[in-house]
Amino acid sequence: MKKIKVAILFGGKSAEHEISIRSAENVVNAIDKNKYELVLIFIDKAGRWFLDLSNKNTNEVWSISIDTFKDPIAYSFNGGGFFIPDASNTPIGIDVFFPILHGPFGEDGTIQGLFRIMDVPFVGCDVLGSAVAMDKQVMKRLLAEAGLPMGKYLTAFRDEIPTFEQVEKELGLPFYVKPANMGSSVGISRVAEKEAYQDALEFAFDYDLKVVLEENIDGREIECAVLGNRLAKASVVGQIKSTHAFYSYSSKYLDEQGYQIIIPADVAPEIQQEIRQIAVKVFKALDGSGLGRVDVFLKEDGTILVNEMNSMPGFTSISMYPMLWKASGIDYPDLIDNLIELALERYSEFKKLKTSI
């Protein structure tokens, strides 16, 4: 049987560059090498694409060394396909792309738009689903239109910043200041006093032109993984318990004791079912496809409030998305199979659409 050639893209022009590398390592080590042939593409922080021509199609445990990515690559149209010239300038045809890219230029619709222009199948949400899931303000507006419950929020631009007094009146104290388009808790601050407000804004504006201010919600942080296209399904739910004031970048990635993952979460069956139903509704409201991880807050009185959806969640060995599916009966290699099959299925549907009258 001919192997499916999968291009794994990782790195990228994002503050989540290093997380992407760690996710890619896990996918490369877990994918079925008997079924897939890998082509590894590294995108550096300047946005340049490089190819590693050494063989990664063995079952040996592999760690990414950026030094091996020495061959700059180009891409061009060729009969509607996406081709990458190797060292001998011979095109390498790719069957499906797996962009393990987090944050801007990776899960915000930009590279998805490139794939659509190139007319190639790719894993994950499409252009619109990626863009709206990435932009927290637009996401909240769509979720509100769909009637999904959320916490209160405000939006700030550099030329339109609410005063601390206005924020305190609308959201109470403490509140959170976040870049609208960023993940992995990058650029987030918890503000409990006026003196911290300006620094929090500047920190968030370092990463985006638009900032979201969110009320503090006292409740457990519950996460649910979604898999599928229009017929999406939800996993069991898991809980994140942070040992820090909030689930920050450092508590996620720099402090080994920064958080605890509980799978399945200690939640009543009827509440878990409600969260799973909400997760699928969020996925559909944001035009999700392939995969997504929906995060909610569960208050003491049983109220569920949607926090956000991540359209390309982490794939490290300790990431919630693959762990939730493992607890739901889908191991890591099978999860990758599912995602690739969903990408090819969606592409097949697109190819049936007319392009002329």
Protein backbone atom coordinates (compact mmCIF):
# COMPACT_ATOMS: atom_id res chain seq x y z
CA MET A 1 0.00 0.00 0.00
CA LYS A 2 1.33 3.42 -0.98
CA LYS A 3 2.12 5.58 2.02
CA ILE A 4 0.36 8.92 2.50
CA LYS A 5 2.93 11.69 2.36
CA VAL A 6 2.38 14.08 5.28
CA ALA A 7 4.17 17.41 5.61
CA ILE A 8 4.63 18.37 9.27
CA LEU A 9 5.00 22.15 9.65
CA PHE A 10 6.26 23.57 12.93
CA GLY A 11 8.00 26.56 14.51
CA GLY A 12 6.53 29.70 12.99
CA LYS A 13 6.48 33.47 13.49
CA SER A 14 4.86 33.42 16.90
CA ALA A 15 5.64 33.73 20.59
CA GLU A 16 4.45 30.12 20.73
CA HIS A 17 7.32 28.99 18.46
CA GLU A 18 8.96 26.79 21.10
CA ILE A 19 5.67 25.11 22.06
CA SER A 20 5.14 24.25 18.40
CA ILE A 21 8.52 22.48 18.28
CA ARG A 22 7.64 20.38 21.31
CA SER A 23 4.24 19.50 19.82
CA ALA A 24 5.85 18.48 16.51
CA GLU A 25 8.29 16.15 18.25
CA ASN A 26 5.42 14.26 19.81
CA VAL A 27 3.44 13.98 16.58
CA VAL A 28 6.49 12.75 14.65
CA ASN A 29 7.23 10.11 17.29
CA ALA A 30 3.61 8.94 17.54
CA ILE A 31 2.56 8.84 13.88
CA ASP A 32 2.37 5.43 12.19
CA LYS A 33 5.50 5.27 9.98
CA ASN A 34 4.12 2.19 8.21
CA LYS A 35 1.19 4.24 6.96
CA TYR A 36 2.68 7.71 6.52
CA GLU A 37 5.82 9.13 4.93
CA LEU A 38 6.95 12.31 6.65
CA VAL A 39 8.31 15.53 5.20
CA LEU A 40 9.42 17.92 7.95
CA ILE A 41 9.24 21.66 7.40
CA PHE A 42 10.60 24.14 9.93
CA ILE A 43 9.45 27.78 9.82
CA ASP A 44 11.85 30.07 11.64
CA LYS A 45 10.87 33.22 13.55
CA ALA A 46 11.56 35.33 10.45
CA GLY A 47 9.02 33.25 8.51
CA ARG A 48 11.56 31.41 6.35
CA TRP A 49 10.80 27.78 5.45
CA PHE A 50 13.45 25.06 5.72
CA LEU A 51 13.45 21.37 4.91
CA ASP A 52 15.21 18.55 6.76
CA LEU A 53 16.21 15.96 4.16
CA SER A 54 17.41 13.35 6.66
CA ASN A 55 15.22 10.30 7.17
CA LYS A 56 12.65 10.62 9.97
CA ASN A 57 10.55 7.67 8.82
CA THR A 58 11.91 5.24 11.39
CA ASN A 59 10.48 4.17 14.71
CA GLU A 60 13.38 5.65 16.67
CA VAL A 61 12.46 8.33 19.21
CA TRP A 62 13.32 11.64 17.61
CA SER A 63 14.19 15.05 19.03
CA ILE A 64 14.10 18.11 16.80
CA SER A 65 17.43 19.77 16.13
CA ILE A 66 16.95 22.99 14.23
CA ASP A 67 20.52 22.68 12.92
CA THR A 68 19.43 19.85 10.60
CA PHE A 69 17.03 22.15 8.75
CA LYS A 70 19.56 23.65 6.32
CA ASP A 71 17.77 23.57 2.98
CA PRO A 72 15.65 26.65 2.25
CA ILE A 73 12.54 25.68 0.30
CA ALA A 74 10.24 27.31 -2.18
CA TYR A 75 6.70 26.49 -3.10
CA SER A 76 4.87 26.96 -6.37
CA PHE A 77 1.71 26.03 -8.22
CA ASN A 78 1.91 22.97 -10.39
CA GLY A 79 -1.36 21.57 -11.63
CA GLY A 80 -3.18 22.72 -8.51
CA GLY A 81 -0.72 21.02 -6.14
CA PHE A 82 1.83 22.24 -3.65
CA PHE A 83 5.35 21.13 -4.44
CA ILE A 84 8.60 21.54 -2.56
CA PRO A 85 11.88 21.28 -4.45
CA ASP A 86 14.49 19.13 -2.73
CA ALA A 87 18.28 19.45 -3.06
CA SER A 88 18.16 18.14 -6.65
CA ASN A 89 15.34 20.55 -7.49
CA THR A 90 12.88 17.68 -7.89
CA PRO A 91 9.35 18.48 -6.74
CA ILE A 92 8.08 16.58 -3.71
CA GLY A 93 4.32 16.09 -3.89
CA ILE A 94 2.51 16.31 -0.57
CA ASP A 95 -0.74 14.45 0.09
CA VAL A 96 -1.76 16.36 3.22
CA PHE A 97 -0.30 19.11 5.40
CA PHE A 98 -0.29 18.99 9.20
CA PRO A 99 0.43 22.51 10.47
CA ILE A 100 1.44 22.06 14.10
CA LEU A 101 1.69 25.81 14.48
CA HIS A 102 0.34 27.71 17.46
CA GLY A 103 -0.56 31.38 17.66
CA PRO A 104 -0.38 34.05 14.93
CA PHE A 105 0.69 32.89 11.44
CA GLY A 106 -0.21 29.35 12.43
CA GLU A 107 -3.74 29.00 13.77
CA ASP A 108 -5.18 32.39 12.87
CA GLY A 109 -6.27 31.59 9.31
CA THR A 110 -3.17 32.92 7.55
CA ILE A 111 -1.44 29.67 6.68
CA GLN A 112 -4.83 28.03 6.19
CA GLY A 113 -5.50 30.66 3.53
CA LEU A 114 -2.21 29.75 1.85
CA PHE A 115 -3.21 26.09 1.79
CA ARG A 116 -6.59 26.95 0.28
CA ILE A 117 -4.92 29.06 -2.43
CA MET A 118 -2.50 26.21 -3.12
CA ASP A 119 -5.47 23.79 -3.28
CA VAL A 120 -4.10 21.22 -0.84
CA PRO A 121 -5.67 19.29 2.07
CA PHE A 122 -4.63 20.25 5.59
CA VAL A 123 -5.36 19.20 9.15
CA GLY A 124 -7.37 21.48 11.41
CA CYS A 125 -9.87 24.29 11.13
CA ASP A 126 -10.32 26.14 7.86
CA VAL A 127 -9.61 29.84 7.27
CA LEU A 128 -12.68 31.27 9.00
CA GLY A 129 -12.77 28.83 11.90
CA SER A 130 -9.08 29.42 12.61
CA ALA A 131 -9.38 33.21 12.41
CA VAL A 132 -12.42 33.62 14.64
CA ALA A 133 -11.20 31.12 17.24
CA MET A 134 -7.92 33.04 17.43
CA ASP A 135 -9.51 36.47 17.85
CA LYS A 136 -10.99 36.41 21.35
CA GLN A 137 -13.18 39.46 20.77
CA VAL A 138 -14.73 38.21 17.51
CA MET A 139 -15.08 34.76 19.05
CA LYS A 140 -17.05 36.17 22.00
CA ARG A 141 -19.35 38.09 19.66
CA LEU A 142 -20.16 34.93 17.69
CA LEU A 143 -20.67 32.88 20.85
CA ALA A 144 -23.04 35.54 22.20
CA GLU A 145 -25.01 35.44 18.94
CA ALA A 146 -25.27 31.66 19.32
CA GLY A 147 -26.69 32.12 22.81
CA LEU A 148 -23.76 30.51 24.59
CA PRO A 149 -23.00 31.64 28.17
CA MET A 150 -19.85 33.69 28.79
CA GLY A 151 -18.29 36.05 31.30
CA LYS A 152 -18.29 39.83 30.86
CA TYR A 153 -15.56 41.50 28.81
CA LEU A 154 -14.38 44.79 27.31
CA THR A 155 -12.12 45.58 24.36
CA ALA A 156 -9.21 48.03 24.19
CA PHE A 157 -7.21 49.56 21.34
CA ARG A 158 -4.24 51.89 21.75
CA ASP A 159 -6.43 54.85 20.83
CA GLU A 160 -9.45 53.59 22.72
CA ILE A 161 -8.60 52.39 26.23
CA PRO A 162 -11.19 52.29 29.01
CA THR A 163 -10.08 53.85 32.27
CA PHE A 164 -9.32 51.64 35.22
CA GLU A 165 -12.44 53.01 36.93
CA GLN A 166 -14.59 52.05 33.92
CA VAL A 167 -13.16 48.52 33.87
CA GLU A 168 -13.59 48.10 37.62
CA LYS A 169 -17.22 49.22 37.34
CA GLU A 170 -17.98 46.86 34.41
CA LEU A 171 -15.92 43.82 35.37
CA GLY A 172 -15.06 44.15 39.04
CA LEU A 173 -11.70 43.21 40.58
CA PRO A 174 -9.54 41.39 39.77
CA PHE A 175 -9.78 41.25 35.98
CA TYR A 176 -7.57 39.88 33.21
CA VAL A 177 -5.84 41.71 30.38
CA LYS A 178 -5.10 39.60 27.27
CA PRO A 179 -3.90 40.09 23.70
CA ALA A 180 -6.92 39.33 21.51
CA ASN A 181 -4.89 37.14 19.15
CA MET A 182 -2.54 34.96 21.17
CA GLY A 183 -2.56 31.60 22.92
CA SER A 184 -0.65 29.64 25.56
CA SER A 185 -1.38 32.44 28.07
CA VAL A 186 1.20 34.68 26.37
CA GLY A 187 0.85 38.37 27.26
CA ILE A 188 -1.78 37.84 29.97
CA SER A 189 -1.86 39.72 33.27
CA ARG A 190 -4.11 39.57 36.30
CA VAL A 191 -4.96 43.07 37.52
CA ALA A 192 -6.13 43.61 41.08
CA GLU A 193 -5.14 47.27 41.58
CA LYS A 194 -4.92 50.46 39.55
CA GLU A 195 -1.11 50.60 39.68
CA ALA A 196 -0.85 47.36 37.69
CA TYR A 197 -3.28 48.33 34.92
CA GLN A 198 -0.98 50.32 32.62
CA ASP A 199 1.82 47.75 32.74
CA ALA A 200 -0.70 44.98 31.96
CA LEU A 201 -1.95 46.91 28.93
CA GLU A 202 1.56 47.53 27.62
CA PHE A 203 2.44 43.86 28.09
CA ALA A 204 -0.64 42.77 26.11
CA PHE A 205 -0.08 45.39 23.40
CA ASP A 206 3.42 43.96 22.89
CA TYR A 207 1.70 40.99 21.24
CA ASP A 208 -1.38 42.41 19.52
CA LEU A 209 -3.07 45.59 18.33
CA LYS A 210 -6.27 44.67 20.16
CA VAL A 211 -6.64 43.71 23.80
CA VAL A 212 -9.48 41.97 25.63
CA LEU A 213 -10.31 42.68 29.29
CA GLU A 214 -12.17 39.85 31.04
CA GLU A 215 -13.89 39.55 34.38
CA ASN A 216 -12.50 37.12 36.93
CA ILE A 217 -14.67 34.03 37.22
CA ASP A 218 -14.50 31.97 40.37
CA GLY A 219 -14.77 28.42 39.14
CA ARG A 220 -12.92 25.35 38.01
CA GLU A 221 -11.17 25.41 34.62
CA ILE A 222 -12.62 22.54 32.62
CA GLU A 223 -11.49 21.54 29.13
CA CYS A 224 -13.13 19.35 26.50
CA ALA A 225 -11.65 18.11 23.21
CA VAL A 226 -13.69 18.11 20.00
CA LEU A 227 -12.97 15.95 16.95
CA GLY A 228 -14.75 15.93 13.59
CA ASN A 229 -16.10 18.11 10.83
CA ARG A 230 -19.83 18.79 10.80
CA LEU A 231 -20.46 15.52 12.71
CA ALA A 232 -18.18 16.47 15.58
CA LYS A 233 -17.91 14.56 18.85
CA ALA A 234 -16.65 15.56 22.29
CA SER A 235 -14.26 13.78 24.65
CA VAL A 236 -14.52 13.27 28.37
CA VAL A 237 -13.75 16.46 30.26
CA GLY A 238 -10.60 17.31 32.18
CA GLN A 239 -9.71 19.86 34.82
CA ILE A 240 -6.71 22.18 35.09
CA LYS A 241 -5.66 23.08 38.63
CA SER A 242 -3.02 25.81 38.62
CA THR A 243 -0.76 26.33 41.60
CA HIS A 244 -0.22 29.95 40.47
CA ALA A 245 -2.58 32.90 40.76
CA PHE A 246 -3.80 31.94 37.30
CA TYR A 247 -2.91 29.49 34.51
CA SER A 248 -0.04 31.56 33.09
CA TYR A 249 2.62 30.77 30.48
CA SER A 250 5.16 30.05 33.22
CA SER A 251 2.80 27.72 35.08
CA LYS A 252 2.08 25.87 31.81
CA TYR A 253 5.57 25.46 30.44
CA LEU A 254 8.28 26.59 32.87
CA ASP A 255 7.17 25.24 36.24
CA GLU A 256 6.91 21.44 36.44
CA GLN A 257 4.65 21.83 39.47
CA GLY A 258 2.76 24.76 37.96
CA TYR A 259 -0.44 22.86 37.38
CA GLN A 260 -2.21 19.56 37.79
CA ILE A 261 -4.31 17.82 35.14
CA ILE A 262 -7.25 15.73 36.33
CA ILE A 263 -8.78 13.39 33.71
CA PRO A 264 -11.61 12.73 33.90
CA ALA A 265 -12.60 15.76 35.92
CA ASP A 266 -14.50 15.15 39.14
CA VAL A 267 -17.77 16.39 37.67
CA ALA A 268 -21.26 14.97 38.00
CA PRO A 269 -22.25 12.94 34.89
CA GLU A 270 -25.08 15.30 33.96
CA ILE A 271 -22.75 18.35 34.21
CA GLN A 272 -20.10 16.58 32.14
CA GLN A 273 -22.68 15.81 29.47
CA GLU A 274 -23.78 19.44 29.42
CA ILE A 275 -20.18 20.61 29.01
CA ARG A 276 -19.65 18.15 26.15
CA GLN A 277 -22.79 19.43 24.42
CA ILE A 278 -21.67 23.04 24.88
CA ALA A 279 -18.24 22.18 23.48
CA VAL A 280 -19.76 20.86 20.25
CA LYS A 281 -22.03 23.92 20.02
CA VAL A 282 -19.01 26.22 20.41
CA PHE A 283 -17.14 24.25 17.75
CA LYS A 284 -20.00 24.63 15.28
CA ALA A 285 -20.69 28.29 16.15
CA LEU A 286 -17.05 29.10 15.31
CA ASP A 287 -17.14 27.07 12.07
CA GLY A 288 -14.69 24.54 13.48
CA SER A 289 -13.42 21.53 11.55
CA GLY A 290 -10.96 18.78 12.32
CA LEU A 291 -10.18 19.58 15.91
CA GLY A 292 -10.60 22.07 18.70
CA ARG A 293 -10.31 22.25 22.47
CA VAL A 294 -13.07 24.14 24.26
CA ASP A 295 -12.33 25.63 27.68
CA VAL A 296 -15.07 26.53 30.14
CA PHE A 297 -15.42 27.67 33.73
CA LEU A 298 -17.60 25.59 36.04
CA LYS A 299 -18.89 27.64 38.96
CA GLU A 300 -19.76 26.24 42.35
CA ASP A 301 -23.50 26.53 41.64
CA GLY A 302 -23.16 24.46 38.44
CA THR A 303 -23.17 27.43 36.04
CA ILE A 304 -21.04 26.82 32.95
CA LEU A 305 -19.39 29.79 31.21
CA VAL A 306 -17.44 29.41 27.95
CA ASN A 307 -13.90 30.77 28.03
CA GLU A 308 -12.56 30.06 24.52
CA MET A 309 -11.83 27.52 21.80
CA ASN A 310 -8.29 26.67 20.74
CA SER A 311 -8.24 25.59 17.07
CA MET A 312 -4.77 23.99 17.20
CA PRO A 313 -4.24 22.89 20.81
CA GLY A 314 -0.90 21.66 22.06
CA PHE A 315 0.24 18.17 21.08
CA THR A 316 3.02 17.68 23.61
CA SER A 317 3.10 14.51 25.70
CA ILE A 318 1.44 16.38 28.56
CA SER A 319 -1.04 18.40 26.50
CA MET A 320 -4.69 18.18 27.40
CA TYR A 321 -6.06 17.50 23.90
CA PRO A 322 -4.38 14.11 23.24
CA MET A 323 -4.74 13.13 26.90
CA LEU A 324 -8.50 13.75 26.80
CA TRP A 325 -8.88 11.55 23.73
CA LYS A 326 -6.73 8.83 25.23
CA ALA A 327 -9.07 8.81 28.23
CA SER A 328 -11.96 8.63 25.74
CA GLY A 329 -10.54 5.55 24.02
CA ILE A 330 -8.50 7.06 21.15
CA ASP A 331 -4.73 6.62 21.48
CA TYR A 332 -2.28 9.19 20.10
CA PRO A 333 -1.48 7.35 16.78
CA ASP A 334 -5.20 6.74 16.15
CA LEU A 335 -5.95 10.38 16.92
CA ILE A 336 -3.45 11.46 14.25
CA ASP A 337 -5.09 9.01 11.81
CA ASN A 338 -8.48 10.57 12.55
CA LEU A 339 -7.21 14.09 11.97
CA ILE A 340 -5.60 13.23 8.64
CA GLU A 341 -8.71 11.37 7.48
CA LEU A 342 -10.87 14.36 8.43
CA ALA A 343 -8.57 16.68 6.46
CA LEU A 344 -8.80 14.50 3.35
CA GLU A 345 -12.57 14.14 3.79
CA ARG A 346 -13.07 17.92 3.95
CA TYR A 347 -10.79 18.46 0.94
CA SER A 348 -12.77 15.92 -1.05
CA GLU A 349 -15.96 17.85 -0.30
CA PHE A 350 -14.36 21.12 -1.43
CA LYS A 351 -13.24 19.54 -4.69
CA LYS A 352 -16.88 18.78 -5.53
CA LEU A 353 -17.73 22.50 -5.55
CA LYS A 354 -18.10 24.26 -8.89
CA THR A 355 -15.55 26.91 -9.83
CA SER A 356 -17.34 28.10 -12.97
CA ILE A 357 -20.89 28.86 -14.03
